[in-house]
Amino acid sequence: MMRRALMLALMGLIVVSGVAHAYPGVTAQKILACVSSESYRRARDMMVSQDVEAVARMILAGQCAMLGPSMPVEVEGGSWGTVQFRVRGDIRQWWTDREWITRQK
């Protein structure tokens, strides 16, 4: 029982600390975004090798999407050059390169 309470408290702390670092942003241009950092890394590698058909299949499978320019987003996390975000008003989280999201003031 005590272990479960401790886990719930830690999970709450993690959620609160994650929200404290969220900030508004906007997509810089039409961008590729994926549901996980691993999916994004794979799609980016496919684009570099010009395997457009494979990227298209990831989009059709719902693993990635093309998002339009100037979309308002909330940045919620990130790591090593990538950023985790969601489009304002949407609950789905996406990953893309940090350079494709411009911080709003």
PDB file of N, CA and C in Angstrom:
ATOM      1  N   MET A   1       0.833  -1.191   0.000  1.00  0.00           N
ATOM      2  CA  MET A   1       0.000   0.000   0.000  1.00  0.00           C
ATOM      3  C   MET A   1       0.879   1.256   0.000  1.00  0.00           C
ATOM      4  N   MET A   2       1.884   1.269   0.861  1.00  0.00           N
ATOM      5  CA  MET A   2       2.787   2.411   0.934  1.00  0.00           C
ATOM      6  C   MET A   2       3.564   2.577  -0.369  1.00  0.00           C
ATOM      7  N   ARG A   3       3.953   1.453  -0.964  1.00  0.00           N
ATOM      8  CA  ARG A   3       4.694   1.488  -2.224  1.00  0.00           C
ATOM      9  C   ARG A   3       3.848   2.107  -3.331  1.00  0.00           C
ATOM     10  N   ARG A   4       2.576   1.732  -3.363  1.00  0.00           N
ATOM     11  CA  ARG A   4       1.672   2.280  -4.378  1.00  0.00           C
ATOM     12  C   ARG A   4       1.492   3.788  -4.180  1.00  0.00           C
ATOM     13  N   ALA A   5       1.338   4.216  -2.941  1.00  0.00           N
ATOM     14  CA  ALA A   5       1.177   5.647  -2.656  1.00  0.00           C
ATOM     15  C   ALA A   5       2.420   6.419  -3.080  1.00  0.00           C
ATOM     16  N   LEU A   6       3.590   5.840  -2.840  1.00  0.00           N
ATOM     17  CA  LEU A   6       4.834   6.490  -3.228  1.00  0.00           C
ATOM     18  C   LEU A   6       4.932   6.606  -4.753  1.00  0.00           C
ATOM     19  N   MET A   7       4.550   5.538  -5.455  1.00  0.00           N
ATOM     20  CA  MET A   7       4.585   5.562  -6.919  1.00  0.00           C
ATOM     21  C   MET A   7       3.636   6.628  -7.473  1.00  0.00           C
ATOM     22  N   LEU A   8       2.428   6.715  -6.902  1.00  0.00           N
ATOM     23  CA  LEU A   8       1.471   7.723  -7.363  1.00  0.00           C
ATOM     24  C   LEU A   8       1.994   9.136  -7.107  1.00  0.00           C
ATOM     25  N   ALA A   9       2.630   9.329  -5.955  1.00  0.00           N
ATOM     26  CA  ALA A   9       3.197  10.642  -5.639  1.00  0.00           C
ATOM     27  C   ALA A   9       4.305  11.000  -6.624  1.00  0.00           C
ATOM     28  N   LEU A  10       5.173  10.039  -6.958  1.00  0.00           N
ATOM     29  CA  LEU A  10       6.253  10.291  -7.902  1.00  0.00           C
ATOM     30  C   LEU A  10       5.715  10.576  -9.295  1.00  0.00           C
ATOM     31  N   MET A  11       4.687   9.835  -9.692  1.00  0.00           N
ATOM     32  CA  MET A  11       4.088  10.069 -11.000  1.00  0.00           C
ATOM     33  C   MET A  11       3.500  11.471 -11.061  1.00  0.00           C
ATOM     34  N   GLY A  12       2.853  11.902 -10.000  1.00  0.00           N
ATOM     35  CA  GLY A  12       2.301  13.251  -9.944  1.00  0.00           C
ATOM     36  C   GLY A  12       3.385  14.297 -10.027  1.00  0.00           C
ATOM     37  N   LEU A  13       4.506  14.048  -9.389  1.00  0.00           N
ATOM     38  CA  LEU A  13       5.630  14.977  -9.423  1.00  0.00           C
ATOM     39  C   LEU A  13       6.185  15.092 -10.834  1.00  0.00           C
ATOM     40  N   ILE A  14       6.288  13.970 -11.507  1.00  0.00           N
ATOM     41  CA  ILE A  14       6.790  13.965 -12.880  1.00  0.00           C
ATOM     42  C   ILE A  14       5.845  14.738 -13.791  1.00  0.00           C
ATOM     43  N   VAL A  15       4.540  14.514 -13.645  1.00  0.00           N
ATOM     44  CA  VAL A  15       3.564  15.214 -14.469  1.00  0.00           C
ATOM     45  C   VAL A  15       3.635  16.713 -14.212  1.00  0.00           C
ATOM     46  N   VAL A  16       3.689  17.113 -12.956  1.00  0.00           N
ATOM     47  CA  VAL A  16       3.753  18.532 -12.620  1.00  0.00           C
ATOM     48  C   VAL A  16       5.030  19.155 -13.156  1.00  0.00           C
ATOM     49  N   SER A  17       6.166  18.459 -13.007  1.00  0.00           N
ATOM     50  CA  SER A  17       7.416  19.032 -13.497  1.00  0.00           C
ATOM     51  C   SER A  17       7.416  19.120 -15.012  1.00  0.00           C
ATOM     52  N   GLY A  18       6.764  18.191 -15.705  1.00  0.00           N
ATOM     53  CA  GLY A  18       6.680  18.250 -17.159  1.00  0.00           C
ATOM     54  C   GLY A  18       5.841  19.419 -17.625  1.00  0.00           C
ATOM     55  N   VAL A  19       4.757  19.692 -16.942  1.00  0.00           N
ATOM     56  CA  VAL A  19       3.889  20.795 -17.314  1.00  0.00           C
ATOM     57  C   VAL A  19       4.571  22.131 -17.065  1.00  0.00           C
ATOM     58  N   ALA A  20       5.371  22.216 -16.022  1.00  0.00           N
ATOM     59  CA  ALA A  20       6.031  23.473 -15.688  1.00  0.00           C
ATOM     60  C   ALA A  20       6.975  23.924 -16.796  1.00  0.00           C
ATOM     61  N   HIS A  21       7.467  23.019 -17.606  1.00  0.00           N
ATOM     62  CA  HIS A  21       8.411  23.355 -18.658  1.00  0.00           C
ATOM     63  C   HIS A  21       7.745  23.537 -20.021  1.00  0.00           C
ATOM     64  N   ALA A  22       6.431  23.333 -20.098  1.00  0.00           N
ATOM     65  CA  ALA A  22       5.733  23.502 -21.371  1.00  0.00           C
ATOM     66  C   ALA A  22       5.754  24.976 -21.769  1.00  0.00           C
ATOM     67  N   TYR A  23       5.836  25.227 -23.061  1.00  0.00           N
ATOM     68  CA  TYR A  23       5.794  26.604 -23.542  1.00  0.00           C
ATOM     69  C   TYR A  23       5.132  26.644 -24.910  1.00  0.00           C
ATOM     70  N   PRO A  24       4.522  27.785 -25.242  1.00  0.00           N
ATOM     71  CA  PRO A  24       3.857  27.891 -26.542  1.00  0.00           C
ATOM     72  C   PRO A  24       4.856  28.052 -27.677  1.00  0.00           C
ATOM     73  N   GLY A  25       4.498  27.546 -28.819  1.00  0.00           N
ATOM     74  CA  GLY A  25       5.332  27.663 -30.001  1.00  0.00           C
ATOM     75  C   GLY A  25       4.468  27.634 -31.243  1.00  0.00           C
ATOM     76  N   VAL A  26       5.121  27.636 -32.383  1.00  0.00           N
ATOM     77  CA  VAL A  26       4.412  27.582 -33.654  1.00  0.00           C
ATOM     78  C   VAL A  26       5.288  26.830 -34.651  1.00  0.00           C
ATOM     79  N   THR A  27       4.661  26.048 -35.524  1.00  0.00           N
ATOM     80  CA  THR A  27       5.437  25.328 -36.535  1.00  0.00           C
ATOM     81  C   THR A  27       6.016  26.336 -37.517  1.00  0.00           C
ATOM     82  N   ALA A  28       7.275  26.178 -37.850  1.00  0.00           N
ATOM     83  CA  ALA A  28       7.978  27.130 -38.707  1.00  0.00           C
ATOM     84  C   ALA A  28       7.567  27.005 -40.172  1.00  0.00           C
ATOM     85  N   GLN A  29       7.240  25.813 -40.578  1.00  0.00           N
ATOM     86  CA  GLN A  29       6.871  25.546 -41.970  1.00  0.00           C
ATOM     87  C   GLN A  29       6.098  24.238 -41.974  1.00  0.00           C
ATOM     88  N   LYS A  30       5.787  23.704 -43.129  1.00  0.00           N
ATOM     89  CA  LYS A  30       5.144  22.392 -43.194  1.00  0.00           C
ATOM     90  C   LYS A  30       6.162  21.375 -42.699  1.00  0.00           C
ATOM     91  N   ILE A  31       5.795  20.597 -41.672  1.00  0.00           N
ATOM     92  CA  ILE A  31       6.764  19.704 -41.038  1.00  0.00           C
ATOM     93  C   ILE A  31       6.258  18.262 -40.969  1.00  0.00           C
ATOM     94  N   LEU A  32       7.197  17.354 -40.861  1.00  0.00           N
ATOM     95  CA  LEU A  32       6.897  15.955 -40.583  1.00  0.00           C
ATOM     96  C   LEU A  32       6.985  15.763 -39.083  1.00  0.00           C
ATOM     97  N   ALA A  33       5.966  15.156 -38.504  1.00  0.00           N
ATOM     98  CA  ALA A  33       5.959  14.860 -37.074  1.00  0.00           C
ATOM     99  C   ALA A  33       5.481  13.427 -36.890  1.00  0.00           C
ATOM    100  N   CYS A  34       6.001  12.749 -35.851  1.00  0.00           N
ATOM    101  CA  CYS A  34       5.643  11.348 -35.618  1.00  0.00           C
ATOM    102  C   CYS A  34       5.233  11.143 -34.159  1.00  0.00           C
ATOM    103  N   VAL A  35       4.582  10.019 -33.896  1.00  0.00           N
ATOM    104  CA  VAL A  35       4.008   9.751 -32.574  1.00  0.00           C
ATOM    105  C   VAL A  35       5.045   9.415 -31.505  1.00  0.00           C
ATOM    106  N   SER A  36       6.260   9.098 -31.896  1.00  0.00           N
ATOM    107  CA  SER A  36       7.321   8.817 -30.926  1.00  0.00           C
ATOM    108  C   SER A  36       8.650   9.314 -31.476  1.00  0.00           C
ATOM    109  N   SER A  37       9.601   9.492 -30.596  1.00  0.00           N
ATOM    110  CA  SER A  37      10.915   9.949 -31.054  1.00  0.00           C
ATOM    111  C   SER A  37      11.572   8.897 -31.942  1.00  0.00           C
ATOM    112  N   GLU A  38      11.345   7.626 -31.634  1.00  0.00           N
ATOM    113  CA  GLU A  38      11.908   6.544 -32.452  1.00  0.00           C
ATOM    114  C   GLU A  38      11.289   6.538 -33.850  1.00  0.00           C
ATOM    115  N   SER A  39       9.962   6.700 -33.935  1.00  0.00           N
ATOM    116  CA  SER A  39       9.306   6.763 -35.244  1.00  0.00           C
ATOM    117  C   SER A  39       9.810   7.953 -36.041  1.00  0.00           C
ATOM    118  N   TYR A  40      10.003   9.084 -35.360  1.00  0.00           N
ATOM    119  CA  TYR A  40      10.500  10.264 -36.060  1.00  0.00           C
ATOM    120  C   TYR A  40      11.920  10.035 -36.580  1.00  0.00           C
ATOM    121  N   ARG A  41      12.758   9.420 -35.757  1.00  0.00           N
ATOM    122  CA  ARG A  41      14.131   9.137 -36.187  1.00  0.00           C
ATOM    123  C   ARG A  41      14.128   8.241 -37.422  1.00  0.00           C
ATOM    124  N   ARG A  42      13.291   7.212 -37.411  1.00  0.00           N
ATOM    125  CA  ARG A  42      13.202   6.305 -38.559  1.00  0.00           C
ATOM    126  C   ARG A  42      12.720   7.039 -39.806  1.00  0.00           C
ATOM    127  N   ALA A  43      11.668   7.852 -39.655  1.00  0.00           N
ATOM    128  CA  ALA A  43      11.127   8.589 -40.799  1.00  0.00           C
ATOM    129  C   ALA A  43      12.151   9.581 -41.341  1.00  0.00           C
ATOM    130  N   ARG A  44      12.876  10.248 -40.449  1.00  0.00           N
ATOM    131  CA  ARG A  44      13.897  11.206 -40.884  1.00  0.00           C
ATOM    132  C   ARG A  44      14.998  10.488 -41.663  1.00  0.00           C
ATOM    133  N   ASP A  45      15.410   9.313 -41.173  1.00  0.00           N
ATOM    134  CA  ASP A  45      16.421   8.526 -41.889  1.00  0.00           C
ATOM    135  C   ASP A  45      15.916   8.103 -43.267  1.00  0.00           C
ATOM    136  N   MET A  46      14.638   7.746 -43.352  1.00  0.00           N
ATOM    137  CA  MET A  46      14.046   7.364 -44.636  1.00  0.00           C
ATOM    138  C   MET A  46      14.023   8.551 -45.599  1.00  0.00           C
ATOM    139  N   MET A  47      13.735   9.737 -45.061  1.00  0.00           N
ATOM    140  CA  MET A  47      13.720  10.928 -45.914  1.00  0.00           C
ATOM    141  C   MET A  47      15.118  11.252 -46.416  1.00  0.00           C
ATOM    142  N   VAL A  48      16.116  11.101 -45.564  1.00  0.00           N
ATOM    143  CA  VAL A  48      17.504  11.360 -45.965  1.00  0.00           C
ATOM    144  C   VAL A  48      17.913  10.421 -47.088  1.00  0.00           C
ATOM    145  N   SER A  49      17.479   9.163 -46.987  1.00  0.00           N
ATOM    146  CA  SER A  49      17.817   8.196 -48.034  1.00  0.00           C
ATOM    147  C   SER A  49      16.820   8.239 -49.199  1.00  0.00           C
ATOM    148  N   GLN A  50      15.923   9.219 -49.179  1.00  0.00           N
ATOM    149  CA  GLN A  50      14.938   9.453 -50.235  1.00  0.00           C
ATOM    150  C   GLN A  50      13.992   8.273 -50.466  1.00  0.00           C
ATOM    151  N   ASP A  51      13.667   7.561 -49.375  1.00  0.00           N
ATOM    152  CA  ASP A  51      12.696   6.464 -49.451  1.00  0.00           C
ATOM    153  C   ASP A  51      11.303   7.034 -49.154  1.00  0.00           C
ATOM    154  N   VAL A  52      10.788   7.801 -50.102  1.00  0.00           N
ATOM    155  CA  VAL A  52       9.518   8.511 -49.943  1.00  0.00           C
ATOM    156  C   VAL A  52       8.361   7.535 -49.734  1.00  0.00           C
ATOM    157  N   GLU A  53       8.410   6.399 -50.402  1.00  0.00           N
ATOM    158  CA  GLU A  53       7.340   5.405 -50.276  1.00  0.00           C
ATOM    159  C   GLU A  53       7.229   4.900 -48.833  1.00  0.00           C
ATOM    160  N   ALA A  54       8.356   4.664 -48.174  1.00  0.00           N
ATOM    161  CA  ALA A  54       8.332   4.191 -46.789  1.00  0.00           C
ATOM    162  C   ALA A  54       7.763   5.260 -45.853  1.00  0.00           C
ATOM    163  N   VAL A  55       8.133   6.520 -46.072  1.00  0.00           N
ATOM    164  CA  VAL A  55       7.588   7.615 -45.253  1.00  0.00           C
ATOM    165  C   VAL A  55       6.082   7.718 -45.475  1.00  0.00           C
ATOM    166  N   ALA A  56       5.653   7.592 -46.715  1.00  0.00           N
ATOM    167  CA  ALA A  56       4.221   7.636 -47.027  1.00  0.00           C
ATOM    168  C   ALA A  56       3.475   6.526 -46.296  1.00  0.00           C
ATOM    169  N   ARG A  57       4.074   5.364 -46.207  1.00  0.00           N
ATOM    170  CA  ARG A  57       3.432   4.248 -45.493  1.00  0.00           C
ATOM    171  C   ARG A  57       3.341   4.529 -43.993  1.00  0.00           C
ATOM    172  N   MET A  58       4.349   5.196 -43.437  1.00  0.00           N
ATOM    173  CA  MET A  58       4.297   5.572 -42.012  1.00  0.00           C
ATOM    174  C   MET A  58       3.165   6.576 -41.787  1.00  0.00           C
ATOM    175  N   ILE A  59       2.969   7.475 -42.733  1.00  0.00           N
ATOM    176  CA  ILE A  59       1.882   8.446 -42.622  1.00  0.00           C
ATOM    177  C   ILE A  59       0.535   7.737 -42.727  1.00  0.00           C
ATOM    178  N   LEU A  60       0.394   6.846 -43.702  1.00  0.00           N
ATOM    179  CA  LEU A  60      -0.857   6.102 -43.866  1.00  0.00           C
ATOM    180  C   LEU A  60      -1.169   5.219 -42.658  1.00  0.00           C
ATOM    181  N   ALA A  61      -0.125   4.725 -41.988  1.00  0.00           N
ATOM    182  CA  ALA A  61      -0.307   3.878 -40.808  1.00  0.00           C
ATOM    183  C   ALA A  61      -0.604   4.698 -39.549  1.00  0.00           C
ATOM    184  N   GLY A  62      -0.550   6.023 -39.668  1.00  0.00           N
ATOM    185  CA  GLY A  62      -0.824   6.867 -38.513  1.00  0.00           C
ATOM    186  C   GLY A  62       0.369   7.077 -37.606  1.00  0.00           C
ATOM    187  N   GLN A  63       1.547   6.611 -38.014  1.00  0.00           N
ATOM    188  CA  GLN A  63       2.759   6.786 -37.206  1.00  0.00           C
ATOM    189  C   GLN A  63       3.328   8.193 -37.347  1.00  0.00           C
ATOM    190  N   CYS A  64       3.073   8.834 -38.478  1.00  0.00           N
ATOM    191  CA  CYS A  64       3.574  10.184 -38.746  1.00  0.00           C
ATOM    192  C   CYS A  64       2.488  10.986 -39.445  1.00  0.00           C
ATOM    193  N   ALA A  65       2.688  12.305 -39.492  1.00  0.00           N
ATOM    194  CA  ALA A  65       1.756  13.191 -40.182  1.00  0.00           C
ATOM    195  C   ALA A  65       2.517  14.405 -40.687  1.00  0.00           C
ATOM    196  N   MET A  66       1.988  15.021 -41.728  1.00  0.00           N
ATOM    197  CA  MET A  66       2.515  16.295 -42.203  1.00  0.00           C
ATOM    198  C   MET A  66       1.638  17.373 -41.581  1.00  0.00           C
ATOM    199  N   LEU A  67       2.261  18.292 -40.852  1.00  0.00           N
ATOM    200  CA  LEU A  67       1.535  19.375 -40.199  1.00  0.00           C
ATOM    201  C   LEU A  67       1.845  20.683 -40.916  1.00  0.00           C
ATOM    202  N   GLY A  68       0.838  21.504 -41.067  1.00  0.00           N
ATOM    203  CA  GLY A  68       0.973  22.748 -41.811  1.00  0.00           C
ATOM    204  C   GLY A  68       1.797  23.806 -41.098  1.00  0.00           C
ATOM    205  N   PRO A  69       2.168  24.846 -41.848  1.00  0.00           N
ATOM    206  CA  PRO A  69       2.949  25.936 -41.255  1.00  0.00           C
ATOM    207  C   PRO A  69       2.098  26.799 -40.333  1.00  0.00           C
ATOM    208  N   SER A  70       2.744  27.443 -39.395  1.00  0.00           N
ATOM    209  CA  SER A  70       2.116  28.407 -38.474  1.00  0.00           C
ATOM    210  C   SER A  70       1.041  27.802 -37.583  1.00  0.00           C
ATOM    211  N   MET A  71       1.146  26.497 -37.286  1.00  0.00           N
ATOM    212  CA  MET A  71       0.199  25.869 -36.370  1.00  0.00           C
ATOM    213  C   MET A  71       0.634  26.173 -34.942  1.00  0.00           C
ATOM    214  N   PRO A  72      -0.272  26.667 -34.096  1.00  0.00           N
ATOM    215  CA  PRO A  72       0.091  26.911 -32.702  1.00  0.00           C
ATOM    216  C   PRO A  72       0.248  25.587 -31.961  1.00  0.00           C
ATOM    217  N   VAL A  73       1.334  25.444 -31.228  1.00  0.00           N
ATOM    218  CA  VAL A  73       1.632  24.197 -30.513  1.00  0.00           C
ATOM    219  C   VAL A  73       2.038  24.497 -29.074  1.00  0.00           C
ATOM    220  N   GLU A  74       1.984  23.473 -28.252  1.00  0.00           N
ATOM    221  CA  GLU A  74       2.505  23.520 -26.886  1.00  0.00           C
ATOM    222  C   GLU A  74       3.649  22.522 -26.816  1.00  0.00           C
ATOM    223  N   VAL A  75       4.850  23.006 -26.578  1.00  0.00           N
ATOM    224  CA  VAL A  75       6.012  22.135 -26.457  1.00  0.00           C
ATOM    225  C   VAL A  75       5.991  21.530 -25.062  1.00  0.00           C
ATOM    226  N   GLU A  76       6.104  20.202 -24.992  1.00  0.00           N
ATOM    227  CA  GLU A  76       5.966  19.511 -23.714  1.00  0.00           C
ATOM    228  C   GLU A  76       7.205  18.750 -23.284  1.00  0.00           C
ATOM    229  N   GLY A  77       8.210  18.670 -24.116  1.00  0.00           N
ATOM    230  CA  GLY A  77       9.425  17.947 -23.752  1.00  0.00           C
ATOM    231  C   GLY A  77      10.345  17.826 -24.950  1.00  0.00           C
ATOM    232  N   GLY A  78      11.357  17.023 -24.794  1.00  0.00           N
ATOM    233  CA  GLY A  78      12.266  16.817 -25.903  1.00  0.00           C
ATOM    234  C   GLY A  78      13.579  16.204 -25.444  1.00  0.00           C
ATOM    235  N   SER A  79      14.393  15.842 -26.414  1.00  0.00           N
ATOM    236  CA  SER A  79      15.713  15.300 -26.112  1.00  0.00           C
ATOM    237  C   SER A  79      16.575  15.321 -27.360  1.00  0.00           C
ATOM    238  N   TRP A  80      17.844  15.606 -27.192  1.00  0.00           N
ATOM    239  CA  TRP A  80      18.856  15.517 -28.249  1.00  0.00           C
ATOM    240  C   TRP A  80      18.406  16.048 -29.605  1.00  0.00           C
ATOM    241  N   GLY A  81      17.948  17.278 -29.646  1.00  0.00           N
ATOM    242  CA  GLY A  81      17.604  17.897 -30.921  1.00  0.00           C
ATOM    243  C   GLY A  81      16.186  17.681 -31.386  1.00  0.00           C
ATOM    244  N   THR A  82      15.426  16.856 -30.676  1.00  0.00           N
ATOM    245  CA  THR A  82      14.021  16.666 -31.027  1.00  0.00           C
ATOM    246  C   THR A  82      13.147  17.288 -29.945  1.00  0.00           C
ATOM    247  N   VAL A  83      11.895  17.514 -30.297  1.00  0.00           N
ATOM    248  CA  VAL A  83      10.972  18.143 -29.371  1.00  0.00           C
ATOM    249  C   VAL A  83       9.640  17.394 -29.396  1.00  0.00           C
ATOM    250  N   GLN A  84       9.055  17.248 -28.213  1.00  0.00           N
ATOM    251  CA  GLN A  84       7.734  16.628 -28.088  1.00  0.00           C
ATOM    252  C   GLN A  84       6.723  17.756 -27.914  1.00  0.00           C
ATOM    253  N   PHE A  85       5.644  17.718 -28.687  1.00  0.00           N
ATOM    254  CA  PHE A  85       4.667  18.800 -28.636  1.00  0.00           C
ATOM    255  C   PHE A  85       3.290  18.272 -28.970  1.00  0.00           C
ATOM    256  N   ARG A  86       2.308  19.122 -28.768  1.00  0.00           N
ATOM    257  CA  ARG A  86       0.955  18.839 -29.235  1.00  0.00           C
ATOM    258  C   ARG A  86       0.406  20.107 -29.860  1.00  0.00           C
ATOM    259  N   VAL A  87      -0.451  19.945 -30.839  1.00  0.00           N
ATOM    260  CA  VAL A  87      -1.128  21.082 -31.457  1.00  0.00           C
ATOM    261  C   VAL A  87      -2.157  21.576 -30.448  1.00  0.00           C
ATOM    262  N   ARG A  88      -2.247  22.890 -30.264  1.00  0.00           N
ATOM    263  CA  ARG A  88      -3.215  23.435 -29.304  1.00  0.00           C
ATOM    264  C   ARG A  88      -4.613  22.944 -29.626  1.00  0.00           C
ATOM    265  N   GLY A  89      -5.312  22.497 -28.584  1.00  0.00           N
ATOM    266  CA  GLY A  89      -6.668  21.978 -28.738  1.00  0.00           C
ATOM    267  C   GLY A  89      -6.727  20.491 -29.026  1.00  0.00           C
ATOM    268  N   ASP A  90      -5.579  19.865 -29.213  1.00  0.00           N
ATOM    269  CA  ASP A  90      -5.503  18.431 -29.521  1.00  0.00           C
ATOM    270  C   ASP A  90      -4.764  17.726 -28.385  1.00  0.00           C
ATOM    271  N   ILE A  91      -5.114  16.490 -28.111  1.00  0.00           N
ATOM    272  CA  ILE A  91      -4.441  15.760 -27.034  1.00  0.00           C
ATOM    273  C   ILE A  91      -3.302  14.868 -27.531  1.00  0.00           C
ATOM    274  N   ARG A  92      -3.221  14.653 -28.851  1.00  0.00           N
ATOM    275  CA  ARG A  92      -2.154  13.796 -29.388  1.00  0.00           C
ATOM    276  C   ARG A  92      -0.800  14.490 -29.285  1.00  0.00           C
ATOM    277  N   GLN A  93       0.204  13.720 -28.931  1.00  0.00           N
ATOM    278  CA  GLN A  93       1.567  14.254 -28.846  1.00  0.00           C
ATOM    279  C   GLN A  93       2.360  13.806 -30.063  1.00  0.00           C
ATOM    280  N   TRP A  94       3.234  14.695 -30.529  1.00  0.00           N
ATOM    281  CA  TRP A  94       4.055  14.454 -31.710  1.00  0.00           C
ATOM    282  C   TRP A  94       5.501  14.772 -31.400  1.00  0.00           C
ATOM    283  N   TRP A  95       6.409  14.254 -32.220  1.00  0.00           N
ATOM    284  CA  TRP A  95       7.840  14.540 -32.131  1.00  0.00           C
ATOM    285  C   TRP A  95       8.331  15.053 -33.474  1.00  0.00           C
ATOM    286  N   THR A  96       9.234  16.008 -33.444  1.00  0.00           N
ATOM    287  CA  THR A  96       9.877  16.520 -34.653  1.00  0.00           C
ATOM    288  C   THR A  96      11.214  17.139 -34.263  1.00  0.00           C
ATOM    289  N   ASP A  97      11.968  17.650 -35.246  1.00  0.00           N
ATOM    290  CA  ASP A  97      13.222  18.341 -34.943  1.00  0.00           C
ATOM    291  C   ASP A  97      12.932  19.655 -34.236  1.00  0.00           C
ATOM    292  N   ARG A  98      13.736  19.983 -33.263  1.00  0.00           N
ATOM    293  CA  ARG A  98      13.572  21.209 -32.478  1.00  0.00           C
ATOM    294  C   ARG A  98      13.563  22.454 -33.378  1.00  0.00           C
ATOM    295  N   GLU A  99      14.343  22.431 -34.439  1.00  0.00           N
ATOM    296  CA  GLU A  99      14.451  23.608 -35.310  1.00  0.00           C
ATOM    297  C   GLU A  99      13.155  23.939 -36.041  1.00  0.00           C
ATOM    298  N   TRP A 100      12.195  22.992 -36.109  1.00  0.00           N
ATOM    299  CA  TRP A 100      10.950  23.239 -36.833  1.00  0.00           C
ATOM    300  C   TRP A 100       9.880  23.901 -35.965  1.00  0.00           C
ATOM    301  N   ILE A 101      10.163  24.071 -34.672  1.00  0.00           N
ATOM    302  CA  ILE A 101       9.216  24.729 -33.762  1.00  0.00           C
ATOM    303  C   ILE A 101       9.841  26.031 -33.270  1.00  0.00           C
ATOM    304  N   THR A 102       9.169  27.128 -33.524  1.00  0.00           N
ATOM    305  CA  THR A 102       9.643  28.436 -33.087  1.00  0.00           C
ATOM    306  C   THR A 102       8.925  28.795 -31.786  1.00  0.00           C
ATOM    307  N   ARG A 103       9.695  29.196 -30.797  1.00  0.00           N
ATOM    308  CA  ARG A 103       9.128  29.570 -29.503  1.00  0.00           C
ATOM    309  C   ARG A 103       8.403  30.908 -29.619  1.00  0.00           C
ATOM    310  N   GLN A 104       7.176  30.947 -29.087  1.00  0.00           N
ATOM    311  CA  GLN A 104       6.407  32.197 -29.061  1.00  0.00           C
ATOM    312  C   GLN A 104       6.610  32.875 -27.726  1.00  0.00           C
ATOM    313  N   LYS A 105       6.586  34.189 -27.733  1.00  0.00           N
ATOM    314  CA  LYS A 105       6.761  34.932 -26.478  1.00  0.00           C
ATOM    315  C   LYS A 105       5.438  35.427 -25.972  1.00  0.00           C
TER     316      LYS A 105
END
